[in-house]
């Protein structure tokens, strides 16, 4: 997964350099818009959090890592296995 992020960043940098060389303005959204998109991803998880609280279930770090982090970051959920 890290490889795809690094590759994506490298390609974005390359395209940014090319755009700069040919004096073309990037169609990418400003940082404020990207922050808004991140807020949407986090906000979607608030529904799960509230539902869990209403059922009286605890909010644990394990639950957050398994249920919320993959939806926010796009990474697969952690593999659960025996702990040493």
N, C-alpha and C. Protein backbone atom coordinates (compact mmCIF):
# COMPACT_ATOMS: atom_id res chain seq x y z
N UNK A 1 0.82 -1.19 0.00
CA UNK A 1 0.00 0.00 0.00
C UNK A 1 0.87 1.25 0.00
N UNK A 2 1.96 1.21 0.75
CA UNK A 2 2.85 2.36 0.79
C UNK A 2 3.43 2.64 -0.58
N UNK A 3 3.71 1.59 -1.34
CA UNK A 3 4.25 1.77 -2.69
C UNK A 3 3.31 2.59 -3.55
N UNK A 4 2.02 2.32 -3.46
CA UNK A 4 1.06 3.05 -4.30
C UNK A 4 1.00 4.53 -3.90
N UNK A 5 1.12 4.82 -2.60
CA UNK A 5 1.14 6.22 -2.18
C UNK A 5 2.39 6.93 -2.69
N UNK A 6 3.53 6.28 -2.56
CA UNK A 6 4.79 6.87 -3.01
C UNK A 6 4.75 7.06 -4.52
N UNK A 7 4.26 6.05 -5.25
CA UNK A 7 4.17 6.16 -6.70
C UNK A 7 3.23 7.30 -7.09
N UNK A 8 2.09 7.40 -6.43
CA UNK A 8 1.14 8.46 -6.71
C UNK A 8 1.75 9.83 -6.45
N UNK A 9 2.45 9.96 -5.34
CA UNK A 9 3.11 11.23 -5.03
C UNK A 9 4.16 11.56 -6.08
N UNK A 10 4.97 10.57 -6.47
CA UNK A 10 6.02 10.80 -7.48
C UNK A 10 5.41 11.24 -8.81
N UNK A 11 4.34 10.58 -9.22
CA UNK A 11 3.69 10.96 -10.48
C UNK A 11 3.09 12.36 -10.39
N UNK A 12 2.51 12.67 -9.24
CA UNK A 12 1.97 14.01 -9.05
C UNK A 12 3.05 15.08 -9.12
N UNK A 13 4.20 14.79 -8.51
CA UNK A 13 5.32 15.74 -8.59
C UNK A 13 5.79 15.91 -10.04
N UNK A 14 5.88 14.81 -10.77
CA UNK A 14 6.30 14.86 -12.16
C UNK A 14 5.33 15.70 -12.99
N UNK A 15 4.06 15.46 -12.82
CA UNK A 15 3.06 16.23 -13.57
C UNK A 15 3.12 17.70 -13.16
N UNK A 16 3.34 17.98 -11.87
CA UNK A 16 3.46 19.36 -11.42
C UNK A 16 4.64 20.07 -12.07
N UNK A 17 5.76 19.37 -12.19
CA UNK A 17 6.93 19.96 -12.86
C UNK A 17 6.62 20.23 -14.33
N UNK A 18 5.99 19.27 -14.99
CA UNK A 18 5.64 19.45 -16.40
C UNK A 18 4.69 20.63 -16.56
N UNK A 19 3.66 20.71 -15.72
CA UNK A 19 2.73 21.84 -15.77
C UNK A 19 3.47 23.16 -15.60
N UNK A 20 4.42 23.20 -14.67
CA UNK A 20 5.17 24.43 -14.44
C UNK A 20 6.01 24.80 -15.65
N UNK A 21 6.64 23.81 -16.26
CA UNK A 21 7.49 24.07 -17.43
C UNK A 21 6.68 24.65 -18.59
N UNK A 22 5.46 24.13 -18.79
CA UNK A 22 4.65 24.63 -19.91
C UNK A 22 3.68 25.73 -19.48
N UNK A 23 3.88 26.26 -18.28
CA UNK A 23 3.08 27.38 -17.74
C UNK A 23 1.58 27.08 -17.76
N UNK A 24 1.21 25.92 -17.29
CA UNK A 24 -0.18 25.52 -17.22
C UNK A 24 -0.60 25.45 -15.76
N UNK A 25 -1.77 25.97 -15.44
CA UNK A 25 -2.26 25.94 -14.06
C UNK A 25 -2.86 24.57 -13.77
N UNK A 26 -2.54 24.03 -12.62
CA UNK A 26 -3.02 22.71 -12.22
C UNK A 26 -4.52 22.74 -11.95
N UNK A 27 -5.24 21.71 -12.41
CA UNK A 27 -6.68 21.64 -12.13
C UNK A 27 -6.98 21.06 -10.75
N UNK A 28 -5.94 20.73 -9.98
CA UNK A 28 -6.14 20.13 -8.66
C UNK A 28 -6.80 21.14 -7.72
N UNK A 29 -7.63 20.63 -6.79
CA UNK A 29 -8.29 21.53 -5.85
C UNK A 29 -7.29 22.13 -4.85
N UNK A 30 -7.62 23.28 -4.30
CA UNK A 30 -6.74 23.87 -3.29
C UNK A 30 -6.72 23.03 -2.02
N UNK A 31 -5.76 23.29 -1.18
CA UNK A 31 -5.60 22.51 0.06
C UNK A 31 -6.86 22.56 0.93
N UNK A 32 -7.55 23.70 0.95
CA UNK A 32 -8.76 23.81 1.76
C UNK A 32 -9.81 22.79 1.30
N UNK A 33 -9.92 22.57 0.01
CA UNK A 33 -10.88 21.59 -0.50
C UNK A 33 -10.47 20.18 -0.09
N UNK A 34 -9.18 19.91 -0.13
CA UNK A 34 -8.70 18.59 0.28
C UNK A 34 -8.96 18.36 1.77
N UNK A 35 -8.81 19.40 2.57
CA UNK A 35 -9.12 19.29 4.00
C UNK A 35 -10.61 18.99 4.19
N UNK A 36 -11.44 19.60 3.36
CA UNK A 36 -12.87 19.33 3.42
C UNK A 36 -13.19 17.88 3.07
N UNK A 37 -12.51 17.34 2.07
CA UNK A 37 -12.72 15.94 1.71
C UNK A 37 -12.31 15.02 2.86
N UNK A 38 -11.20 15.33 3.51
CA UNK A 38 -10.77 14.55 4.66
C UNK A 38 -11.82 14.63 5.78
N UNK A 39 -12.35 15.81 5.99
CA UNK A 39 -13.41 15.98 6.99
C UNK A 39 -14.63 15.13 6.67
N UNK A 40 -14.97 15.00 5.39
CA UNK A 40 -16.10 14.17 5.00
C UNK A 40 -15.83 12.70 5.35
N UNK A 41 -14.61 12.23 5.09
CA UNK A 41 -14.27 10.84 5.41
C UNK A 41 -14.36 10.58 6.91
N UNK A 42 -13.86 11.52 7.70
CA UNK A 42 -13.92 11.36 9.15
C UNK A 42 -15.36 11.48 9.63
N UNK A 43 -16.10 12.43 9.07
CA UNK A 43 -17.49 12.63 9.46
C UNK A 43 -18.37 11.41 9.21
N UNK A 44 -18.08 10.68 8.13
CA UNK A 44 -18.84 9.47 7.85
C UNK A 44 -18.70 8.45 8.99
N UNK A 45 -17.57 8.46 9.64
CA UNK A 45 -17.32 7.49 10.71
C UNK A 45 -18.04 7.88 12.00
N UNK A 46 -18.47 9.12 12.11
CA UNK A 46 -19.19 9.54 13.32
C UNK A 46 -20.50 8.79 13.48
N UNK A 47 -21.13 8.42 12.36
CA UNK A 47 -22.38 7.66 12.44
C UNK A 47 -22.13 6.31 13.10
N UNK A 48 -21.06 5.62 12.67
CA UNK A 48 -20.72 4.33 13.30
C UNK A 48 -20.43 4.51 14.78
N UNK A 49 -19.72 5.57 15.11
CA UNK A 49 -19.35 5.84 16.49
C UNK A 49 -20.61 6.06 17.34
N UNK A 50 -21.53 6.87 16.86
CA UNK A 50 -22.76 7.15 17.60
C UNK A 50 -23.61 5.89 17.74
N UNK A 51 -23.71 5.11 16.67
CA UNK A 51 -24.48 3.87 16.74
C UNK A 51 -23.89 2.93 17.78
N UNK A 52 -22.59 2.85 17.81
CA UNK A 52 -21.91 1.98 18.77
C UNK A 52 -22.20 2.45 20.20
N UNK A 53 -22.12 3.75 20.44
CA UNK A 53 -22.41 4.30 21.76
C UNK A 53 -23.86 4.02 22.17
N UNK A 54 -24.79 4.17 21.23
CA UNK A 54 -26.21 3.94 21.53
C UNK A 54 -26.49 2.49 21.89
N UNK A 55 -25.71 1.56 21.33
CA UNK A 55 -25.87 0.15 21.66
C UNK A 55 -25.16 -0.21 22.97
N UNK A 56 -24.45 0.76 23.54
CA UNK A 56 -23.75 0.52 24.78
C UNK A 56 -22.44 -0.23 24.62
N UNK A 57 -21.93 -0.28 23.40
CA UNK A 57 -20.67 -0.97 23.14
C UNK A 57 -19.50 -0.01 23.39
N UNK A 58 -18.39 -0.53 23.87
CA UNK A 58 -17.24 0.34 24.15
C UNK A 58 -16.55 0.82 22.88
N UNK A 59 -15.97 1.99 22.97
CA UNK A 59 -15.16 2.52 21.88
C UNK A 59 -13.71 2.17 22.19
N UNK A 60 -13.20 1.19 21.49
CA UNK A 60 -11.83 0.75 21.74
C UNK A 60 -10.93 1.13 20.57
N UNK A 61 -9.65 1.16 20.83
CA UNK A 61 -8.69 1.45 19.77
C UNK A 61 -8.71 0.35 18.72
N UNK A 62 -8.90 -0.90 19.16
CA UNK A 62 -8.98 -2.01 18.21
C UNK A 62 -10.17 -1.83 17.26
N UNK A 63 -11.33 -1.42 17.79
CA UNK A 63 -12.49 -1.17 16.95
C UNK A 63 -12.20 -0.05 15.97
N UNK A 64 -11.62 1.04 16.47
CA UNK A 64 -11.32 2.19 15.61
C UNK A 64 -10.37 1.79 14.49
N UNK A 65 -9.32 1.03 14.82
CA UNK A 65 -8.34 0.60 13.80
C UNK A 65 -8.98 -0.33 12.77
N UNK A 66 -9.90 -1.19 13.22
CA UNK A 66 -10.48 -2.17 12.31
C UNK A 66 -11.61 -1.57 11.47
N UNK A 67 -12.43 -0.73 12.06
CA UNK A 67 -13.61 -0.22 11.38
C UNK A 67 -13.42 1.16 10.73
N UNK A 68 -12.75 2.06 11.38
CA UNK A 68 -12.68 3.45 10.90
C UNK A 68 -11.45 3.74 10.06
N UNK A 69 -10.29 3.33 10.53
CA UNK A 69 -9.05 3.67 9.83
C UNK A 69 -9.06 3.20 8.38
N UNK A 70 -9.50 1.97 8.07
CA UNK A 70 -9.51 1.56 6.66
C UNK A 70 -10.42 2.42 5.79
N UNK A 71 -11.53 2.87 6.34
CA UNK A 71 -12.46 3.69 5.57
C UNK A 71 -11.93 5.10 5.36
N UNK A 72 -11.15 5.60 6.31
CA UNK A 72 -10.58 6.94 6.19
C UNK A 72 -9.34 6.93 5.31
N UNK A 73 -8.49 5.92 5.50
CA UNK A 73 -7.19 5.91 4.81
C UNK A 73 -7.18 5.10 3.53
N UNK A 74 -8.17 4.22 3.34
CA UNK A 74 -8.18 3.38 2.16
C UNK A 74 -7.27 2.16 2.26
N UNK A 75 -6.76 1.91 3.46
CA UNK A 75 -5.90 0.74 3.67
C UNK A 75 -6.76 -0.43 4.12
N UNK A 76 -6.27 -1.66 3.91
CA UNK A 76 -7.05 -2.80 4.39
C UNK A 76 -7.06 -2.88 5.91
N UNK A 77 -8.11 -3.46 6.49
CA UNK A 77 -8.14 -3.58 7.95
C UNK A 77 -7.01 -4.48 8.43
N UNK A 78 -6.54 -4.26 9.65
CA UNK A 78 -5.45 -5.10 10.17
C UNK A 78 -5.91 -6.55 10.31
N UNK A 79 -4.97 -7.43 10.10
CA UNK A 79 -5.25 -8.87 10.23
C UNK A 79 -5.19 -9.22 11.70
N UNK A 80 -6.25 -9.85 12.16
CA UNK A 80 -6.30 -10.25 13.56
C UNK A 80 -5.74 -11.66 13.67
N UNK A 81 -4.83 -11.82 14.58
CA UNK A 81 -4.23 -13.13 14.79
C UNK A 81 -3.90 -13.30 16.25
N UNK A 82 -3.34 -14.44 16.58
CA UNK A 82 -2.98 -14.66 17.98
C UNK A 82 -1.90 -13.68 18.44
N UNK A 83 -2.07 -13.23 19.62
CA UNK A 83 -1.08 -12.29 20.17
C UNK A 83 -0.10 -13.03 21.06
N UNK A 84 1.18 -12.67 20.96
CA UNK A 84 2.18 -13.36 21.80
C UNK A 84 2.03 -13.04 23.26
